[in-house]
Amino acid sequence: LLTTILNANNEVLCLPETKFILTFYQKFAHQHPISPSFADTFS
């Protein structure tokens, strides 16, 4: 419900349960620059 309420505001993009941020955290979050292998892993 909170997701749909926020998405009714044009200034907000509220996305449901993508899990991306923590899925790749352990392997890639501490890299800078991020390894090119991220591309294949993510795809």
ModelCIF file with pLDDT and N, C-alpha, C, O atoms, coordinates in Angstrom:
data_MODEL
#
_entry.id   MODEL 
#
_entity.id                         1 
_entity.type                       polymer 
_entity.pdbx_number_of_molecules   1 
#
_entity_poly.entity_id                      1 
_entity_poly.type                           'polypeptide(L)' 
_entity_poly.nstd_linkage                   no 
_entity_poly.nstd_monomer                   no 
_entity_poly.pdbx_seq_one_letter_code       LLTTILNANNEVLCLPETKFILTFYQKFAHQHPISPSFADTFS 
_entity_poly.pdbx_seq_one_letter_code_can   LLTTILNANNEVLCLPETKFILTFYQKFAHQHPISPSFADTFS 
_entity_poly.pdbx_strand_id                 A 
#
loop_
_entity_poly_seq.entity_id 
_entity_poly_seq.num 
_entity_poly_seq.mon_id 
_entity_poly_seq.hetero 
1 1  LEU n 
1 2  LEU n 
1 3  THR n 
1 4  THR n 
1 5  ILE n 
1 6  LEU n 
1 7  ASN n 
1 8  ALA n 
1 9  ASN n 
1 10 ASN n 
1 11 GLU n 
1 12 VAL n 
1 13 LEU n 
1 14 CYS n 
1 15 LEU n 
1 16 PRO n 
1 17 GLU n 
1 18 THR n 
1 19 LYS n 
1 20 PHE n 
1 21 ILE n 
1 22 LEU n 
1 23 THR n 
1 24 PHE n 
1 25 TYR n 
1 26 GLN n 
1 27 LYS n 
1 28 PHE n 
1 29 ALA n 
1 30 HIS n 
1 31 GLN n 
1 32 HIS n 
1 33 PRO n 
1 34 ILE n 
1 35 SER n 
1 36 PRO n 
1 37 SER n 
1 38 PHE n 
1 39 ALA n 
1 40 ASP n 
1 41 THR n 
1 42 PHE n 
1 43 SER n 
#
_struct_asym.id          A 
_struct_asym.entity_id   1 
#
loop_
_ma_qa_metric.id 
_ma_qa_metric.mode 
_ma_qa_metric.name 
_ma_qa_metric.software_group_id 
_ma_qa_metric.type 
1 global pLDDT . pLDDT 
2 local  pLDDT . pLDDT 
#
_ma_qa_metric_global.metric_id      1 
_ma_qa_metric_global.metric_value   92.53 
_ma_qa_metric_global.model_id       1 
_ma_qa_metric_global.ordinal_id     1 
#
loop_
_ma_qa_metric_local.label_asym_id 
_ma_qa_metric_local.label_comp_id 
_ma_qa_metric_local.label_seq_id 
_ma_qa_metric_local.metric_id 
_ma_qa_metric_local.metric_value 
_ma_qa_metric_local.model_id 
_ma_qa_metric_local.ordinal_id 
A LEU 1  2 92.00 1 1  
A LEU 2  2 95.00 1 2  
A THR 3  2 93.00 1 3  
A THR 4  2 91.00 1 4  
A ILE 5  2 94.00 1 5  
A LEU 6  2 95.00 1 6  
A ASN 7  2 92.00 1 7  
A ALA 8  2 93.00 1 8  
A ASN 9  2 94.00 1 9  
A ASN 10 2 92.00 1 10 
A GLU 11 2 94.00 1 11 
A VAL 12 2 95.00 1 12 
A LEU 13 2 94.00 1 13 
A CYS 14 2 93.00 1 14 
A LEU 15 2 89.00 1 15 
A PRO 16 2 81.00 1 16 
A GLU 17 2 86.00 1 17 
A THR 18 2 86.00 1 18 
A LYS 19 2 90.00 1 19 
A PHE 20 2 91.00 1 20 
A ILE 21 2 96.00 1 21 
A LEU 22 2 96.00 1 22 
A THR 23 2 94.00 1 23 
A PHE 24 2 96.00 1 24 
A TYR 25 2 96.00 1 25 
A GLN 26 2 95.00 1 26 
A LYS 27 2 95.00 1 27 
A PHE 28 2 96.00 1 28 
A ALA 29 2 96.00 1 29 
A HIS 30 2 94.00 1 30 
A GLN 31 2 93.00 1 31 
A HIS 32 2 88.00 1 32 
A PRO 33 2 90.00 1 33 
A ILE 34 2 94.00 1 34 
A SER 35 2 93.00 1 35 
A PRO 36 2 93.00 1 36 
A SER 37 2 93.00 1 37 
A PHE 38 2 94.00 1 38 
A ALA 39 2 91.00 1 39 
A ASP 40 2 91.00 1 40 
A THR 41 2 93.00 1 41 
A PHE 42 2 92.00 1 42 
A SER 43 2 90.00 1 43 
#
loop_
_atom_site.group_PDB 
_atom_site.id 
_atom_site.type_symbol 
_atom_site.label_atom_id 
_atom_site.label_alt_id 
_atom_site.label_comp_id 
_atom_site.label_asym_id 
_atom_site.label_entity_id 
_atom_site.label_seq_id 
_atom_site.pdbx_PDB_ins_code 
_atom_site.Cartn_x 
_atom_site.Cartn_y 
_atom_site.Cartn_z 
_atom_site.occupancy 
_atom_site.B_iso_or_equiv 
_atom_site.pdbx_formal_charge 
_atom_site.auth_seq_id 
_atom_site.auth_comp_id 
_atom_site.auth_asym_id 
_atom_site.auth_atom_id 
_atom_site.pdbx_PDB_model_num 
ATOM 1   N N  . LEU A 1 1  ? 0.839  -1.202  0.000   1.00 92.00 ? 1  LEU A N  1 
ATOM 2   C CA . LEU A 1 1  ? 0.000  0.000   0.000   1.00 92.00 ? 1  LEU A CA 1 
ATOM 3   C C  . LEU A 1 1  ? 0.871  1.249   0.000   1.00 92.00 ? 1  LEU A C  1 
ATOM 4   O O  . LEU A 1 1  ? 0.598  2.191   -0.744  1.00 92.00 ? 1  LEU A O  1 
ATOM 5   N N  . LEU A 1 2  ? 1.907  1.270   0.817   1.00 95.00 ? 2  LEU A N  1 
ATOM 6   C CA . LEU A 1 2  ? 2.810  2.414   0.845   1.00 95.00 ? 2  LEU A CA 1 
ATOM 7   C C  . LEU A 1 2  ? 3.501  2.604   -0.508  1.00 95.00 ? 2  LEU A C  1 
ATOM 8   O O  . LEU A 1 2  ? 3.728  3.734   -0.942  1.00 95.00 ? 2  LEU A O  1 
ATOM 9   N N  . THR A 1 3  ? 3.829  1.500   -1.165  1.00 93.00 ? 3  THR A N  1 
ATOM 10  C CA . THR A 1 3  ? 4.449  1.572   -2.492  1.00 93.00 ? 3  THR A CA 1 
ATOM 11  C C  . THR A 1 3  ? 3.531  2.269   -3.484  1.00 93.00 ? 3  THR A C  1 
ATOM 12  O O  . THR A 1 3  ? 3.961  3.164   -4.213  1.00 93.00 ? 3  THR A O  1 
ATOM 13  N N  . THR A 1 4  ? 2.276  1.864   -3.513  1.00 91.00 ? 4  THR A N  1 
ATOM 14  C CA . THR A 1 4  ? 1.341  2.455   -4.477  1.00 91.00 ? 4  THR A CA 1 
ATOM 15  C C  . THR A 1 4  ? 1.061  3.921   -4.145  1.00 91.00 ? 4  THR A C  1 
ATOM 16  O O  . THR A 1 4  ? 0.909  4.743   -5.049  1.00 91.00 ? 4  THR A O  1 
ATOM 17  N N  . ILE A 1 5  ? 0.992  4.251   -2.860  1.00 94.00 ? 5  ILE A N  1 
ATOM 18  C CA . ILE A 1 5  ? 0.770  5.647   -2.461  1.00 94.00 ? 5  ILE A CA 1 
ATOM 19  C C  . ILE A 1 5  ? 1.927  6.526   -2.930  1.00 94.00 ? 5  ILE A C  1 
ATOM 20  O O  . ILE A 1 5  ? 1.703  7.598   -3.491  1.00 94.00 ? 5  ILE A O  1 
ATOM 21  N N  . LEU A 1 6  ? 3.153  6.082   -2.706  1.00 95.00 ? 6  LEU A N  1 
ATOM 22  C CA . LEU A 1 6  ? 4.309  6.875   -3.114  1.00 95.00 ? 6  LEU A CA 1 
ATOM 23  C C  . LEU A 1 6  ? 4.402  6.992   -4.633  1.00 95.00 ? 6  LEU A C  1 
ATOM 24  O O  . LEU A 1 6  ? 4.778  8.042   -5.154  1.00 95.00 ? 6  LEU A O  1 
ATOM 25  N N  . ASN A 1 7  ? 4.063  5.925   -5.339  1.00 92.00 ? 7  ASN A N  1 
ATOM 26  C CA . ASN A 1 7  ? 4.142  5.963   -6.798  1.00 92.00 ? 7  ASN A CA 1 
ATOM 27  C C  . ASN A 1 7  ? 3.103  6.878   -7.430  1.00 92.00 ? 7  ASN A C  1 
ATOM 28  O O  . ASN A 1 7  ? 3.230  7.249   -8.597  1.00 92.00 ? 7  ASN A O  1 
ATOM 29  N N  . ALA A 1 8  ? 2.077  7.244   -6.668  1.00 93.00 ? 8  ALA A N  1 
ATOM 30  C CA . ALA A 1 8  ? 1.091  8.193   -7.181  1.00 93.00 ? 8  ALA A CA 1 
ATOM 31  C C  . ALA A 1 8  ? 1.655  9.606   -7.259  1.00 93.00 ? 8  ALA A C  1 
ATOM 32  O O  . ALA A 1 8  ? 1.063  10.484  -7.885  1.00 93.00 ? 8  ALA A O  1 
ATOM 33  N N  . ASN A 1 9  ? 2.800  9.819   -6.622  1.00 94.00 ? 9  ASN A N  1 
ATOM 34  C CA . ASN A 1 9  ? 3.508  11.098  -6.681  1.00 94.00 ? 9  ASN A CA 1 
ATOM 35  C C  . ASN A 1 9  ? 4.535  11.025  -7.809  1.00 94.00 ? 9  ASN A C  1 
ATOM 36  O O  . ASN A 1 9  ? 5.380  10.130  -7.825  1.00 94.00 ? 9  ASN A O  1 
ATOM 37  N N  . ASN A 1 10 ? 4.464  11.951  -8.739  1.00 92.00 ? 10 ASN A N  1 
ATOM 38  C CA . ASN A 1 10 ? 5.352  11.905  -9.907  1.00 92.00 ? 10 ASN A CA 1 
ATOM 39  C C  . ASN A 1 10 ? 6.823  12.075  -9.558  1.00 92.00 ? 10 ASN A C  1 
ATOM 40  O O  . ASN A 1 10 ? 7.695  11.762  -10.369 1.00 92.00 ? 10 ASN A O  1 
ATOM 41  N N  . GLU A 1 11 ? 7.105  12.570  -8.353  1.00 94.00 ? 11 GLU A N  1 
ATOM 42  C CA . GLU A 1 11 ? 8.493  12.780  -7.951  1.00 94.00 ? 11 GLU A CA 1 
ATOM 43  C C  . GLU A 1 11 ? 9.142  11.512  -7.409  1.00 94.00 ? 11 GLU A C  1 
ATOM 44  O O  . GLU A 1 11 ? 10.343 11.498  -7.136  1.00 94.00 ? 11 GLU A O  1 
ATOM 45  N N  . VAL A 1 12 ? 8.350  10.436  -7.252  1.00 95.00 ? 12 VAL A N  1 
ATOM 46  C CA . VAL A 1 12 ? 8.838  9.227   -6.583  1.00 95.00 ? 12 VAL A CA 1 
ATOM 47  C C  . VAL A 1 12 ? 8.775  8.034   -7.522  1.00 95.00 ? 12 VAL A C  1 
ATOM 48  O O  . VAL A 1 12 ? 7.801  7.856   -8.254  1.00 95.00 ? 12 VAL A O  1 
ATOM 49  N N  . LEU A 1 13 ? 9.823  7.220   -7.494  1.00 94.00 ? 13 LEU A N  1 
ATOM 50  C CA . LEU A 1 13 ? 9.799  5.899   -8.119  1.00 94.00 ? 13 LEU A CA 1 
ATOM 51  C C  . LEU A 1 13 ? 10.003 4.886   -7.001  1.00 94.00 ? 13 LEU A C  1 
ATOM 52  O O  . LEU A 1 13 ? 11.088 4.796   -6.425  1.00 94.00 ? 13 LEU A O  1 
ATOM 53  N N  . CYS A 1 14 ? 8.963  4.130   -6.699  1.00 93.00 ? 14 CYS A N  1 
ATOM 54  C CA . CYS A 1 14 ? 9.009  3.148   -5.611  1.00 93.00 ? 14 CYS A CA 1 
ATOM 55  C C  . CYS A 1 14 ? 8.866  1.764   -6.215  1.00 93.00 ? 14 CYS A C  1 
ATOM 56  O O  . CYS A 1 14 ? 7.850  1.452   -6.837  1.00 93.00 ? 14 CYS A O  1 
ATOM 57  N N  . LEU A 1 15 ? 9.887  0.932   -6.033  1.00 89.00 ? 15 LEU A N  1 
ATOM 58  C CA . LEU A 1 15 ? 9.951  -0.357  -6.721  1.00 89.00 ? 15 LEU A CA 1 
ATOM 59  C C  . LEU A 1 15 ? 9.826  -1.517  -5.749  1.00 89.00 ? 15 LEU A C  1 
ATOM 60  O O  . LEU A 1 15 ? 10.381 -1.473  -4.651  1.00 89.00 ? 15 LEU A O  1 
ATOM 61  N N  . PRO A 1 16 ? 9.099  -2.554  -6.147  1.00 81.00 ? 16 PRO A N  1 
ATOM 62  C CA . PRO A 1 16 ? 8.797  -3.652  -5.232  1.00 81.00 ? 16 PRO A CA 1 
ATOM 63  C C  . PRO A 1 16 ? 9.806  -4.788  -5.250  1.00 81.00 ? 16 PRO A C  1 
ATOM 64  O O  . PRO A 1 16 ? 9.915  -5.506  -6.244  1.00 81.00 ? 16 PRO A O  1 
ATOM 65  N N  . GLU A 1 17 ? 10.535 -4.954  -4.174  1.00 86.00 ? 17 GLU A N  1 
ATOM 66  C CA . GLU A 1 17 ? 11.289 -6.170  -3.882  1.00 86.00 ? 17 GLU A CA 1 
ATOM 67  C C  . GLU A 1 17 ? 12.213 -6.610  -5.010  1.00 86.00 ? 17 GLU A C  1 
ATOM 68  O O  . GLU A 1 17 ? 12.145 -7.748  -5.475  1.00 86.00 ? 17 GLU A O  1 
ATOM 69  N N  . THR A 1 18 ? 13.074 -5.698  -5.444  1.00 86.00 ? 18 THR A N  1 
ATOM 70  C CA . THR A 1 18 ? 14.028 -6.059  -6.497  1.00 86.00 ? 18 THR A CA 1 
ATOM 71  C C  . THR A 1 18 ? 15.198 -6.877  -5.953  1.00 86.00 ? 18 THR A C  1 
ATOM 72  O O  . THR A 1 18 ? 15.747 -7.725  -6.657  1.00 86.00 ? 18 THR A O  1 
ATOM 73  N N  . LYS A 1 19 ? 15.582 -6.620  -4.688  1.00 90.00 ? 19 LYS A N  1 
ATOM 74  C CA . LYS A 1 19 ? 16.655 -7.347  -3.995  1.00 90.00 ? 19 LYS A CA 1 
ATOM 75  C C  . LYS A 1 19 ? 18.045 -7.096  -4.572  1.00 90.00 ? 19 LYS A C  1 
ATOM 76  O O  . LYS A 1 19 ? 19.003 -7.738  -4.142  1.00 90.00 ? 19 LYS A O  1 
ATOM 77  N N  . PHE A 1 20 ? 18.181 -6.184  -5.530  1.00 91.00 ? 20 PHE A N  1 
ATOM 78  C CA . PHE A 1 20 ? 19.472 -5.992  -6.197  1.00 91.00 ? 20 PHE A CA 1 
ATOM 79  C C  . PHE A 1 20 ? 20.566 -5.545  -5.232  1.00 91.00 ? 20 PHE A C  1 
ATOM 80  O O  . PHE A 1 20 ? 21.683 -6.061  -5.273  1.00 91.00 ? 20 PHE A O  1 
ATOM 81  N N  . ILE A 1 21 ? 20.251 -4.602  -4.378  1.00 96.00 ? 21 ILE A N  1 
ATOM 82  C CA . ILE A 1 21 ? 21.297 -3.928  -3.597  1.00 96.00 ? 21 ILE A CA 1 
ATOM 83  C C  . ILE A 1 21 ? 22.087 -4.907  -2.744  1.00 96.00 ? 21 ILE A C  1 
ATOM 84  O O  . ILE A 1 21 ? 23.315 -4.832  -2.692  1.00 96.00 ? 21 ILE A O  1 
ATOM 85  N N  . LEU A 1 22 ? 21.398 -5.821  -2.078  1.00 96.00 ? 22 LEU A N  1 
ATOM 86  C CA . LEU A 1 22 ? 22.110 -6.771  -1.224  1.00 96.00 ? 22 LEU A CA 1 
ATOM 87  C C  . LEU A 1 22 ? 22.517 -8.040  -1.959  1.00 96.00 ? 22 LEU A C  1 
ATOM 88  O O  . LEU A 1 22 ? 23.427 -8.741  -1.516  1.00 96.00 ? 22 LEU A O  1 
ATOM 89  N N  . THR A 1 23 ? 21.866 -8.343  -3.062  1.00 94.00 ? 23 THR A N  1 
ATOM 90  C CA . THR A 1 23 ? 22.242 -9.534  -3.830  1.00 94.00 ? 23 THR A CA 1 
ATOM 91  C C  . THR A 1 23 ? 23.702 -9.469  -4.277  1.00 94.00 ? 23 THR A C  1 
ATOM 92  O O  . THR A 1 23 ? 24.413 -10.472 -4.242  1.00 94.00 ? 23 THR A O  1 
ATOM 93  N N  . PHE A 1 24 ? 24.139 -8.288  -4.696  1.00 96.00 ? 24 PHE A N  1 
ATOM 94  C CA . PHE A 1 24 ? 25.492 -8.130  -5.242  1.00 96.00 ? 24 PHE A CA 1 
ATOM 95  C C  . PHE A 1 24 ? 26.439 -7.450  -4.260  1.00 96.00 ? 24 PHE A C  1 
ATOM 96  O O  . PHE A 1 24 ? 27.589 -7.169  -4.598  1.00 96.00 ? 24 PHE A O  1 
ATOM 97  N N  . TYR A 1 25 ? 25.964 -7.186  -3.056  1.00 96.00 ? 25 TYR A N  1 
ATOM 98  C CA . TYR A 1 25 ? 26.743 -6.393  -2.096  1.00 96.00 ? 25 TYR A CA 1 
ATOM 99  C C  . TYR A 1 25 ? 28.078 -7.052  -1.739  1.00 96.00 ? 25 TYR A C  1 
ATOM 100 O O  . TYR A 1 25 ? 29.129 -6.420  -1.839  1.00 96.00 ? 25 TYR A O  1 
ATOM 101 N N  . GLN A 1 26 ? 28.038 -8.299  -1.330  1.00 95.00 ? 26 GLN A N  1 
ATOM 102 C CA . GLN A 1 26 ? 29.242 -8.945  -0.808  1.00 95.00 ? 26 GLN A CA 1 
ATOM 103 C C  . GLN A 1 26 ? 30.368 -8.983  -1.838  1.00 95.00 ? 26 GLN A C  1 
ATOM 104 O O  . GLN A 1 26 ? 31.534 -8.785  -1.498  1.00 95.00 ? 26 GLN A O  1 
ATOM 105 N N  . LYS A 1 27 ? 30.019 -9.235  -3.079  1.00 95.00 ? 27 LYS A N  1 
ATOM 106 C CA . LYS A 1 27 ? 31.053 -9.405  -4.103  1.00 95.00 ? 27 LYS A CA 1 
ATOM 107 C C  . LYS A 1 27 ? 31.537 -8.081  -4.694  1.00 95.00 ? 27 LYS A C  1 
ATOM 108 O O  . LYS A 1 27 ? 32.712 -7.946  -5.035  1.00 95.00 ? 27 LYS A O  1 
ATOM 109 N N  . PHE A 1 28 ? 30.624 -7.094  -4.818  1.00 96.00 ? 28 PHE A N  1 
ATOM 110 C CA . PHE A 1 28 ? 30.973 -5.916  -5.615  1.00 96.00 ? 28 PHE A CA 1 
ATOM 111 C C  . PHE A 1 28 ? 30.951 -4.590  -4.865  1.00 96.00 ? 28 PHE A C  1 
ATOM 112 O O  . PHE A 1 28 ? 31.520 -3.614  -5.355  1.00 96.00 ? 28 PHE A O  1 
ATOM 113 N N  . ALA A 1 29 ? 30.320 -4.514  -3.700  1.00 96.00 ? 29 ALA A N  1 
ATOM 114 C CA . ALA A 1 29 ? 30.098 -3.206  -3.070  1.00 96.00 ? 29 ALA A CA 1 
ATOM 115 C C  . ALA A 1 29 ? 31.382 -2.495  -2.678  1.00 96.00 ? 29 ALA A C  1 
ATOM 116 O O  . ALA A 1 29 ? 31.413 -1.265  -2.631  1.00 96.00 ? 29 ALA A O  1 
ATOM 117 N N  . HIS A 1 30 ? 32.446 -3.246  -2.394  1.00 94.00 ? 30 HIS A N  1 
ATOM 118 C CA . HIS A 1 30 ? 33.678 -2.630  -1.914  1.00 94.00 ? 30 HIS A CA 1 
ATOM 119 C C  . HIS A 1 30 ? 34.697 -2.409  -3.032  1.00 94.00 ? 30 HIS A C  1 
ATOM 120 O O  . HIS A 1 30 ? 35.848 -2.055  -2.777  1.00 94.00 ? 30 HIS A O  1 
ATOM 121 N N  . GLN A 1 31 ? 34.261 -2.620  -4.263  1.00 93.00 ? 31 GLN A N  1 
ATOM 122 C CA . GLN A 1 31 ? 35.150 -2.409  -5.396  1.00 93.00 ? 31 GLN A CA 1 
ATOM 123 C C  . GLN A 1 31 ? 34.986 -1.005  -5.965  1.00 93.00 ? 31 GLN A C  1 
ATOM 124 O O  . GLN A 1 31 ? 33.868 -0.506  -6.082  1.00 93.00 ? 31 GLN A O  1 
ATOM 125 N N  . HIS A 1 32 ? 36.089 -0.377  -6.314  1.00 88.00 ? 32 HIS A N  1 
ATOM 126 C CA . HIS A 1 32 ? 36.026 0.892   -7.036  1.00 88.00 ? 32 HIS A CA 1 
ATOM 127 C C  . HIS A 1 32 ? 37.337 1.064   -7.814  1.00 88.00 ? 32 HIS A C  1 
ATOM 128 O O  . HIS A 1 32 ? 38.377 1.325   -7.209  1.00 88.00 ? 32 HIS A O  1 
ATOM 129 N N  . PRO A 1 33 ? 37.302 0.924   -9.119  1.00 90.00 ? 33 PRO A N  1 
ATOM 130 C CA . PRO A 1 33 ? 36.082 0.721   -9.908  1.00 90.00 ? 33 PRO A CA 1 
ATOM 131 C C  . PRO A 1 33 ? 35.520 -0.701  -9.765  1.00 90.00 ? 33 PRO A C  1 
ATOM 132 O O  . PRO A 1 33 ? 36.222 -1.628  -9.361  1.00 90.00 ? 33 PRO A O  1 
ATOM 133 N N  . ILE A 1 34 ? 34.261 -0.839  -10.100 1.00 94.00 ? 34 ILE A N  1 
ATOM 134 C CA . ILE A 1 34 ? 33.581 -2.132  -10.011 1.00 94.00 ? 34 ILE A CA 1 
ATOM 135 C C  . ILE A 1 34 ? 34.081 -3.034  -11.135 1.00 94.00 ? 34 ILE A C  1 
ATOM 136 O O  . ILE A 1 34 ? 34.256 -2.593  -12.271 1.00 94.00 ? 34 ILE A O  1 
ATOM 137 N N  . SER A 1 35 ? 34.305 -4.281  -10.805 1.00 93.00 ? 35 SER A N  1 
ATOM 138 C CA . SER A 1 35 ? 34.854 -5.244  -11.762 1.00 93.00 ? 35 SER A CA 1 
ATOM 139 C C  . SER A 1 35 ? 33.945 -5.401  -12.979 1.00 93.00 ? 35 SER A C  1 
ATOM 140 O O  . SER A 1 35 ? 32.722 -5.414  -12.842 1.00 93.00 ? 35 SER A O  1 
ATOM 141 N N  . PRO A 1 36 ? 34.547 -5.522  -14.190 1.00 93.00 ? 36 PRO A N  1 
ATOM 142 C CA . PRO A 1 36 ? 33.743 -5.757  -15.395 1.00 93.00 ? 36 PRO A CA 1 
ATOM 143 C C  . PRO A 1 36 ? 32.904 -7.029  -15.310 1.00 93.00 ? 36 PRO A C  1 
ATOM 144 O O  . PRO A 1 36 ? 31.917 -7.163  -16.034 1.00 93.00 ? 36 PRO A O  1 
ATOM 145 N N  . SER A 1 37 ? 33.284 -7.972  -14.428 1.00 93.00 ? 37 SER A N  1 
ATOM 146 C CA . SER A 1 37 ? 32.513 -9.213  -14.314 1.00 93.00 ? 37 SER A CA 1 
ATOM 147 C C  . SER A 1 37 ? 31.092 -8.958  -13.808 1.00 93.00 ? 37 SER A C  1 
ATOM 148 O O  . SER A 1 37 ? 30.220 -9.817  -13.940 1.00 93.00 ? 37 SER A O  1 
ATOM 149 N N  . PHE A 1 38 ? 30.863 -7.775  -13.229 1.00 94.00 ? 38 PHE A N  1 
ATOM 150 C CA . PHE A 1 38 ? 29.500 -7.458  -12.782 1.00 94.00 ? 38 PHE A CA 1 
ATOM 151 C C  . PHE A 1 38 ? 28.511 -7.524  -13.936 1.00 94.00 ? 38 PHE A C  1 
ATOM 152 O O  . PHE A 1 38 ? 27.369 -7.946  -13.757 1.00 94.00 ? 38 PHE A O  1 
ATOM 153 N N  . ALA A 1 39 ? 28.948 -7.108  -15.118 1.00 91.00 ? 39 ALA A N  1 
ATOM 154 C CA . ALA A 1 39 ? 28.046 -7.056  -16.266 1.00 91.00 ? 39 ALA A CA 1 
ATOM 155 C C  . ALA A 1 39 ? 27.442 -8.427  -16.566 1.00 91.00 ? 39 ALA A C  1 
ATOM 156 O O  . ALA A 1 39 ? 26.226 -8.558  -16.707 1.00 91.00 ? 39 ALA A O  1 
ATOM 157 N N  . ASP A 1 40 ? 28.292 -9.444  -16.662 1.00 91.00 ? 40 ASP A N  1 
ATOM 158 C CA . ASP A 1 40 ? 27.802 -10.793 -16.949 1.00 91.00 ? 40 ASP A CA 1 
ATOM 159 C C  . ASP A 1 40 ? 26.999 -11.347 -15.770 1.00 91.00 ? 40 ASP A C  1 
ATOM 160 O O  . ASP A 1 40 ? 25.970 -11.995 -15.965 1.00 91.00 ? 40 ASP A O  1 
ATOM 161 N N  . THR A 1 41 ? 27.469 -11.091 -14.553 1.00 93.00 ? 41 THR A N  1 
ATOM 162 C CA . THR A 1 41 ? 26.774 -11.588 -13.367 1.00 93.00 ? 41 THR A CA 1 
ATOM 163 C C  . THR A 1 41 ? 25.362 -11.020 -13.295 1.00 93.00 ? 41 THR A C  1 
ATOM 164 O O  . THR A 1 41 ? 24.400 -11.750 -13.057 1.00 93.00 ? 41 THR A O  1 
ATOM 165 N N  . PHE A 1 42 ? 25.250 -9.718  -13.501 1.00 92.00 ? 42 PHE A N  1 
ATOM 166 C CA . PHE A 1 42 ? 23.941 -9.063  -13.402 1.00 92.00 ? 42 PHE A CA 1 
ATOM 167 C C  . PHE A 1 42 ? 23.013 -9.507  -14.519 1.00 92.00 ? 42 PHE A C  1 
ATOM 168 O O  . PHE A 1 42 ? 21.834 -9.766  -14.276 1.00 92.00 ? 42 PHE A O  1 
ATOM 169 N N  . SER A 1 43 ? 23.523 -9.597  -15.734 1.00 90.00 ? 43 SER A N  1 
ATOM 170 C CA . SER A 1 43 ? 22.678 -10.012 -16.857 1.00 90.00 ? 43 SER A CA 1 
ATOM 171 C C  . SER A 1 43 ? 22.156 -11.436 -16.665 1.00 90.00 ? 43 SER A C  1 
ATOM 172 O O  . SER A 1 43 ? 21.428 -11.947 -17.516 1.00 90.00 ? 43 SER A O  1 
#
